Amino acid sequence: MNVLKATVLLIDSNSDMRDVLGNMLHKKYNVVTKKDELEAFAWLQKGNIPASIILGLHSELDPSQSFIINLQTSGFWSEIPIVVLSADQTETFKADLVSQGAFSVLSKPFDPQVLMAILAASIPVRQEVLTTRPMVKKLTPKAIYSFLPNFREAVTGAMLLFINQYF
């Protein structure tokens, strides 16, 4: 029996962390790794929708933090649970991330079993949303806008993020 694995998008600028987490998760999940939020947005914009996202943050000033806000305002991607792995261990920072839309925040170093449990808990949430959302048979502009009510704002946010990071 061939069981379809849920896809987890793993975003972390540290290649060693991507490798370790990818190896840990690959037995249970289809893991897609990206080094930054720009690569992740490009992958998402190709129509890929993961069951959950793991986002590595390295500091409070990490530009990846705006990735959460951009996803939450997109309308289409706002239902994807985001698990944040953060180097910042302050409770205020964690509370800010949850208020911005993170499903859960784990401080580095973290227990891999806790991460696996959080992922297992987040994925049924995503699957429930998918089963309650009506399916679109033909992709028309009207259908796109029904899924992406804030598309212009999400694209603008992604462009500003790119400009701020590279210029």
Protein backbone atom coordinates (compact mmCIF):
# COMPACT_ATOMS: atom_id res chain seq x y z
CA MET A 1 0.00 0.00 0.00
CA ASN A 2 1.47 3.32 -1.09
CA VAL A 3 0.65 6.08 1.39
CA LEU A 4 0.88 9.68 0.24
CA LYS A 5 3.09 11.67 2.60
CA ALA A 6 2.18 15.20 3.66
CA THR A 7 4.59 17.85 2.38
CA VAL A 8 6.51 19.99 4.85
CA LEU A 9 8.28 23.14 3.63
CA LEU A 10 11.49 23.68 5.60
CA ILE A 11 13.02 27.17 5.44
CA ASP A 12 16.35 27.85 7.13
CA SER A 13 19.40 29.80 6.00
CA ASN A 14 21.70 27.29 7.74
CA SER A 15 22.38 24.41 5.34
CA ASP A 16 23.43 22.09 8.19
CA MET A 17 20.12 22.68 9.97
CA ARG A 18 18.22 22.02 6.71
CA ASP A 19 20.14 18.76 6.25
CA VAL A 20 19.61 17.56 9.83
CA LEU A 21 15.91 18.40 9.89
CA GLY A 22 15.38 17.05 6.38
CA ASN A 23 16.93 13.73 7.34
CA MET A 24 14.88 13.59 10.53
CA LEU A 25 11.58 14.34 8.77
CA HIS A 26 11.92 12.47 5.46
CA LYS A 27 10.67 9.11 6.75
CA LYS A 28 7.29 10.54 7.71
CA TYR A 29 6.97 13.58 5.42
CA ASN A 30 7.82 14.74 1.93
CA VAL A 31 10.33 17.49 2.81
CA VAL A 32 11.04 20.47 0.56
CA THR A 33 13.94 22.66 1.73
CA LYS A 34 14.54 26.30 0.89
CA LYS A 35 17.33 28.55 2.13
CA ASP A 36 15.24 31.70 2.53
CA GLU A 37 11.76 33.15 2.30
CA LEU A 38 12.26 34.36 -1.28
CA GLU A 39 12.94 30.80 -2.49
CA ALA A 40 9.97 29.64 -0.42
CA PHE A 41 7.63 32.25 -1.96
CA ALA A 42 8.82 31.29 -5.46
CA TRP A 43 8.04 27.63 -4.69
CA LEU A 44 4.62 28.52 -3.24
CA GLN A 45 3.76 30.74 -6.21
CA LYS A 46 4.22 27.74 -8.52
CA GLY A 47 1.09 26.28 -6.94
CA ASN A 48 2.76 24.12 -4.29
CA ILE A 49 0.88 24.00 -1.00
CA PRO A 50 2.58 22.28 1.94
CA ALA A 51 0.68 20.77 4.83
CA SER A 52 2.95 22.68 7.23
CA ILE A 53 5.93 25.04 7.20
CA ILE A 54 8.98 24.98 9.47
CA LEU A 55 10.66 28.40 9.56
CA GLY A 56 14.06 28.92 11.15
CA LEU A 57 14.62 32.36 12.69
CA HIS A 58 18.00 33.44 13.96
CA SER A 59 17.23 36.73 15.70
CA GLU A 60 14.44 39.19 16.40
CA LEU A 61 15.66 41.25 13.43
CA ASP A 62 15.64 38.30 11.04
CA PRO A 63 13.81 39.33 7.82
CA SER A 64 12.22 35.87 7.74
CA GLN A 65 9.88 37.07 10.49
CA SER A 66 7.95 39.10 7.90
CA PHE A 67 7.37 35.84 5.99
CA ILE A 68 4.76 34.90 8.61
CA ILE A 69 2.94 38.20 8.18
CA ASN A 70 3.04 37.92 4.37
CA LEU A 71 1.54 34.42 4.47
CA GLN A 72 -1.14 35.42 6.96
CA THR A 73 -2.26 38.39 4.84
CA SER A 74 -2.23 36.43 1.58
CA GLY A 75 -5.61 34.79 2.08
CA PHE A 76 -4.56 31.72 0.10
CA TRP A 77 -1.60 30.62 2.23
CA SER A 78 -2.94 31.90 5.54
CA GLU A 79 -4.26 28.46 6.53
CA ILE A 80 -0.83 26.77 6.39
CA PRO A 81 0.43 26.10 9.94
CA ILE A 82 3.87 27.63 10.56
CA VAL A 83 6.18 26.12 13.16
CA VAL A 84 8.99 28.53 14.06
CA LEU A 85 12.39 27.40 15.30
CA SER A 86 13.90 30.43 17.00
CA ALA A 87 17.30 31.24 18.43
CA ASP A 88 15.60 33.95 20.53
CA GLN A 89 14.25 32.39 23.72
CA THR A 90 12.40 35.37 25.18
CA GLU A 91 8.72 34.82 25.91
CA THR A 92 7.80 38.22 24.47
CA PHE A 93 9.34 37.32 21.12
CA LYS A 94 7.54 33.96 21.10
CA ALA A 95 4.23 35.65 21.95
CA ASP A 96 4.76 38.14 19.10
CA LEU A 97 5.32 35.30 16.63
CA VAL A 98 2.16 33.50 17.74
CA SER A 99 0.16 36.73 17.52
CA GLN A 100 1.47 37.18 13.95
CA GLY A 101 0.14 33.75 13.04
CA ALA A 102 2.72 31.12 13.98
CA PHE A 103 1.14 27.78 14.96
CA SER A 104 3.94 27.08 17.44
CA VAL A 105 7.38 28.39 18.43
CA LEU A 106 10.26 26.20 19.60
CA SER A 107 13.48 27.61 21.03
CA LYS A 108 16.78 26.29 19.72
CA PRO A 109 18.09 23.88 20.83
CA PHE A 110 14.84 21.92 20.75
CA ASP A 111 13.77 18.33 21.34
CA PRO A 112 13.20 16.64 17.94
CA GLN A 113 10.35 14.56 19.40
CA VAL A 114 8.54 17.76 20.39
CA LEU A 115 8.92 19.08 16.83
CA MET A 116 7.52 15.82 15.43
CA ALA A 117 4.55 16.02 17.83
CA ILE A 118 3.85 19.64 16.87
CA LEU A 119 3.99 18.78 13.16
CA ALA A 120 1.63 15.84 13.69
CA ALA A 121 -0.77 18.18 15.50
CA SER A 122 -0.52 20.95 12.87
CA ILE A 123 -1.13 18.82 9.79
CA PRO A 124 -4.66 17.62 10.69
CA VAL A 125 -5.57 21.32 11.10
CA ARG A 126 -4.46 21.96 7.51
CA GLN A 127 -6.22 18.85 6.16
CA GLU A 128 -9.49 19.93 7.84
CA VAL A 129 -9.29 23.33 6.14
CA LEU A 130 -8.69 21.68 2.76
CA THR A 131 -11.74 19.46 3.12
CA THR A 132 -14.01 22.38 4.06
CA ARG A 133 -12.83 24.74 1.29
CA PRO A 134 -14.78 24.35 -1.98
CA MET A 135 -12.73 23.05 -4.89
CA VAL A 136 -12.36 25.11 -8.05
CA LYS A 137 -12.73 23.17 -11.31
CA LYS A 138 -11.40 25.90 -13.60
CA LEU A 139 -8.87 28.53 -12.61
CA THR A 140 -10.47 31.83 -13.61
CA PRO A 141 -9.55 35.32 -12.42
CA LYS A 142 -12.67 35.28 -10.24
CA ALA A 143 -11.60 31.97 -8.66
CA ILE A 144 -8.07 33.28 -8.08
CA TYR A 145 -9.35 36.40 -6.34
CA SER A 146 -11.70 34.34 -4.18
CA PHE A 147 -8.65 32.46 -2.85
CA LEU A 148 -6.35 35.48 -2.79
CA PRO A 149 -8.34 38.44 -1.49
CA ASN A 150 -5.15 40.22 -0.41
CA PHE A 151 -2.95 39.07 -3.30
CA ARG A 152 -1.75 42.57 -4.19
CA GLU A 153 -0.73 43.21 -0.57
CA ALA A 154 1.08 39.85 -0.36
CA VAL A 155 3.01 40.48 -3.58
CA THR A 156 3.83 44.02 -2.46
CA GLY A 157 5.06 42.66 0.88
CA ALA A 158 7.23 40.06 -0.84
CA MET A 159 8.68 42.72 -3.17
CA LEU A 160 9.46 45.03 -0.24
CA LEU A 161 11.07 42.15 1.59
CA PHE A 162 13.26 41.43 -1.45
CA ILE A 163 14.21 45.09 -1.91
CA ASN A 164 15.05 45.54 1.79
CA GLN A 165 17.13 42.38 1.87
CA TYR A 166 19.17 42.86 -1.31
CA PHE A 167 19.45 46.63 -1.76
